[in-house]
Each structure stands twice: as C-alpha cells, then as structure tokens.
N, C-alpha and C. Protein backbone atom coordinates (compact mmCIF):
# COMPACT_ATOMS: atom_id res chain seq x y z
N MET A 1 -19.77 7.22 -87.69
CA MET A 1 -20.26 6.81 -86.39
C MET A 1 -20.21 7.98 -85.42
N GLY A 2 -21.06 7.95 -84.40
CA GLY A 2 -21.07 9.00 -83.39
C GLY A 2 -20.09 8.69 -82.28
N LYS A 3 -20.26 9.37 -81.17
CA LYS A 3 -19.38 9.12 -80.02
C LYS A 3 -19.65 7.73 -79.47
N MET A 4 -18.59 7.13 -78.96
CA MET A 4 -18.69 5.81 -78.36
C MET A 4 -18.28 5.90 -76.90
N LEU A 5 -18.87 5.02 -76.08
CA LEU A 5 -18.57 4.99 -74.65
C LEU A 5 -17.95 3.65 -74.29
N LYS A 6 -16.90 3.69 -73.48
CA LYS A 6 -16.27 2.48 -72.96
C LYS A 6 -16.82 2.27 -71.55
N ILE A 7 -17.54 1.17 -71.34
CA ILE A 7 -18.21 0.90 -70.07
C ILE A 7 -17.57 -0.33 -69.43
N LYS A 8 -17.13 -0.17 -68.18
CA LYS A 8 -16.47 -1.26 -67.45
C LYS A 8 -17.25 -1.58 -66.19
N MET A 9 -17.50 -2.85 -65.96
CA MET A 9 -18.19 -3.29 -64.74
C MET A 9 -17.17 -3.36 -63.61
N VAL A 10 -17.34 -2.49 -62.59
CA VAL A 10 -16.35 -2.40 -61.52
C VAL A 10 -16.83 -3.00 -60.20
N MET A 11 -18.15 -3.25 -60.09
CA MET A 11 -18.68 -3.90 -58.89
C MET A 11 -19.56 -5.07 -59.32
N SER A 12 -19.61 -6.09 -58.51
CA SER A 12 -20.34 -7.31 -58.83
C SER A 12 -21.85 -7.09 -58.79
N GLU A 13 -22.56 -7.92 -59.55
CA GLU A 13 -24.02 -7.87 -59.55
C GLU A 13 -24.63 -8.73 -58.43
N ILE A 14 -23.79 -9.44 -57.68
CA ILE A 14 -24.27 -10.30 -56.61
C ILE A 14 -24.99 -9.46 -55.55
N GLY A 15 -26.19 -9.89 -55.19
CA GLY A 15 -26.96 -9.19 -54.17
C GLY A 15 -27.70 -7.97 -54.68
N ARG A 16 -27.65 -7.71 -55.96
CA ARG A 16 -28.33 -6.56 -56.56
C ARG A 16 -29.72 -6.97 -57.02
N PRO A 17 -30.64 -6.01 -57.12
CA PRO A 17 -31.99 -6.33 -57.61
C PRO A 17 -31.96 -6.87 -59.04
N GLU A 18 -32.95 -7.66 -59.36
CA GLU A 18 -33.04 -8.30 -60.69
C GLU A 18 -33.04 -7.27 -61.81
N LYS A 19 -33.69 -6.12 -61.60
CA LYS A 19 -33.73 -5.07 -62.63
C LYS A 19 -32.32 -4.60 -62.99
N GLN A 20 -31.48 -4.41 -61.99
CA GLN A 20 -30.12 -3.96 -62.25
C GLN A 20 -29.31 -5.03 -62.96
N ARG A 21 -29.52 -6.28 -62.60
CA ARG A 21 -28.83 -7.39 -63.28
C ARG A 21 -29.21 -7.44 -64.75
N LYS A 22 -30.51 -7.22 -65.03
CA LYS A 22 -30.97 -7.25 -66.42
C LYS A 22 -30.39 -6.10 -67.23
N VAL A 23 -30.23 -4.94 -66.60
CA VAL A 23 -29.63 -3.80 -67.28
C VAL A 23 -28.18 -4.11 -67.64
N LEU A 24 -27.43 -4.69 -66.70
CA LEU A 24 -26.04 -5.06 -66.98
C LEU A 24 -25.96 -6.06 -68.12
N ARG A 25 -26.83 -7.09 -68.08
CA ARG A 25 -26.84 -8.09 -69.16
C ARG A 25 -27.23 -7.45 -70.49
N GLY A 26 -28.16 -6.50 -70.44
CA GLY A 26 -28.60 -5.81 -71.65
C GLY A 26 -27.48 -5.01 -72.30
N MET A 27 -26.56 -4.52 -71.48
CA MET A 27 -25.41 -3.79 -72.01
C MET A 27 -24.30 -4.74 -72.45
N GLY A 28 -24.43 -6.02 -72.12
CA GLY A 28 -23.43 -7.01 -72.52
C GLY A 28 -22.36 -7.25 -71.47
N LEU A 29 -22.60 -6.79 -70.24
CA LEU A 29 -21.62 -6.99 -69.16
C LEU A 29 -21.98 -8.26 -68.40
N LYS A 30 -21.05 -9.22 -68.37
CA LYS A 30 -21.33 -10.50 -67.73
C LYS A 30 -20.44 -10.77 -66.53
N LYS A 31 -19.22 -10.27 -66.57
CA LYS A 31 -18.26 -10.56 -65.50
C LYS A 31 -17.65 -9.26 -64.99
N LEU A 32 -17.08 -9.33 -63.80
CA LEU A 32 -16.39 -8.20 -63.20
C LEU A 32 -15.20 -7.81 -64.08
N ASN A 33 -14.96 -6.52 -64.22
CA ASN A 33 -13.88 -5.94 -65.04
C ASN A 33 -14.07 -6.18 -66.54
N ASN A 34 -15.25 -6.62 -66.93
CA ASN A 34 -15.58 -6.78 -68.34
C ASN A 34 -15.80 -5.40 -68.95
N ILE A 35 -15.37 -5.19 -70.20
CA ILE A 35 -15.51 -3.89 -70.86
C ILE A 35 -16.30 -4.07 -72.15
N VAL A 36 -17.26 -3.17 -72.38
CA VAL A 36 -17.99 -3.13 -73.64
C VAL A 36 -17.92 -1.71 -74.19
N ILE A 37 -18.02 -1.59 -75.51
CA ILE A 37 -18.03 -0.28 -76.16
C ILE A 37 -19.38 -0.14 -76.83
N LEU A 38 -20.14 0.89 -76.41
CA LEU A 38 -21.48 1.12 -76.92
C LEU A 38 -21.59 2.55 -77.45
N ALA A 39 -22.53 2.76 -78.37
CA ALA A 39 -22.79 4.10 -78.91
C ALA A 39 -23.37 4.99 -77.82
N ASP A 40 -23.05 6.27 -77.88
CA ASP A 40 -23.55 7.24 -76.91
C ASP A 40 -24.94 7.70 -77.34
N THR A 41 -25.96 6.96 -76.91
CA THR A 41 -27.34 7.28 -77.24
C THR A 41 -28.11 7.55 -75.96
N PRO A 42 -29.29 8.16 -76.05
CA PRO A 42 -30.10 8.37 -74.85
C PRO A 42 -30.44 7.05 -74.15
N GLN A 43 -30.65 5.99 -74.91
CA GLN A 43 -30.97 4.69 -74.33
C GLN A 43 -29.79 4.15 -73.51
N THR A 44 -28.60 4.26 -74.06
CA THR A 44 -27.41 3.80 -73.35
C THR A 44 -27.18 4.63 -72.10
N ARG A 45 -27.37 5.94 -72.21
CA ARG A 45 -27.20 6.83 -71.04
C ARG A 45 -28.19 6.47 -69.94
N GLY A 46 -29.41 6.13 -70.31
CA GLY A 46 -30.42 5.74 -69.33
C GLY A 46 -30.03 4.46 -68.61
N MET A 47 -29.48 3.50 -69.36
CA MET A 47 -29.03 2.25 -68.75
C MET A 47 -27.87 2.51 -67.78
N ILE A 48 -26.96 3.39 -68.19
CA ILE A 48 -25.82 3.73 -67.34
C ILE A 48 -26.30 4.39 -66.04
N ASN A 49 -27.30 5.26 -66.14
CA ASN A 49 -27.84 5.93 -64.95
C ASN A 49 -28.43 4.93 -63.96
N LYS A 50 -29.04 3.86 -64.46
CA LYS A 50 -29.65 2.86 -63.58
C LYS A 50 -28.62 2.07 -62.78
N VAL A 51 -27.43 1.89 -63.36
CA VAL A 51 -26.39 1.08 -62.68
C VAL A 51 -25.09 1.87 -62.53
N SER A 52 -25.19 3.17 -62.37
CA SER A 52 -24.00 4.03 -62.31
C SER A 52 -23.06 3.66 -61.16
N HIS A 53 -23.60 3.06 -60.10
CA HIS A 53 -22.79 2.66 -58.95
C HIS A 53 -22.03 1.36 -59.20
N LEU A 54 -22.33 0.67 -60.30
CA LEU A 54 -21.69 -0.61 -60.61
C LEU A 54 -20.70 -0.51 -61.77
N VAL A 55 -20.74 0.58 -62.53
CA VAL A 55 -19.92 0.70 -63.74
C VAL A 55 -19.10 1.98 -63.72
N SER A 56 -18.03 1.99 -64.53
CA SER A 56 -17.29 3.22 -64.80
C SER A 56 -17.40 3.48 -66.30
N VAL A 57 -17.46 4.75 -66.67
CA VAL A 57 -17.70 5.12 -68.06
C VAL A 57 -16.66 6.14 -68.50
N GLU A 58 -16.14 5.96 -69.71
CA GLU A 58 -15.27 6.97 -70.32
C GLU A 58 -15.51 6.98 -71.82
N GLU A 59 -15.19 8.09 -72.45
CA GLU A 59 -15.35 8.18 -73.90
C GLU A 59 -14.26 7.36 -74.56
N SER A 60 -14.66 6.61 -75.57
CA SER A 60 -13.73 5.75 -76.28
C SER A 60 -13.03 6.53 -77.37
N LYS A 61 -11.78 6.21 -77.62
CA LYS A 61 -11.00 6.88 -78.67
C LYS A 61 -11.27 6.26 -80.05
N GLU A 62 -11.94 5.13 -80.07
CA GLU A 62 -12.16 4.39 -81.32
C GLU A 62 -13.28 4.98 -82.14
C-alpha cells in the first residue's frame, strides 16, 4: 500500500455550500470530529483542497 492520510472533520458542514457538503460525504465524513483514513492520491488531495478549511490532515502511521 502507498501512503495513507488521516483526515478529521474539525468544523461543521452547517451553512456550507452543497458542493462542500458532497465532498465531505464523498470522503466518508458525516459528523464533527469523525476520522477517516484514505489513500494519498491526487483525487483525495483535490477533495482535501476543496474543504481544507473544514478538515485537518496528517499522515497515518498505518
């Protein structure tokens, strides 16, 4: 496996545009402080860039 990213939702999706909500759902983030581990791909990086103000990202040790 390649590098993995640990993505945590740190701000709520309430009041955000529908596009940003769909990006969060696409990454599997449903609730505040929810954490998902995704592969470090260009697609994932693009999704993170769209909602960078709502999430925190770090490299996973797994």
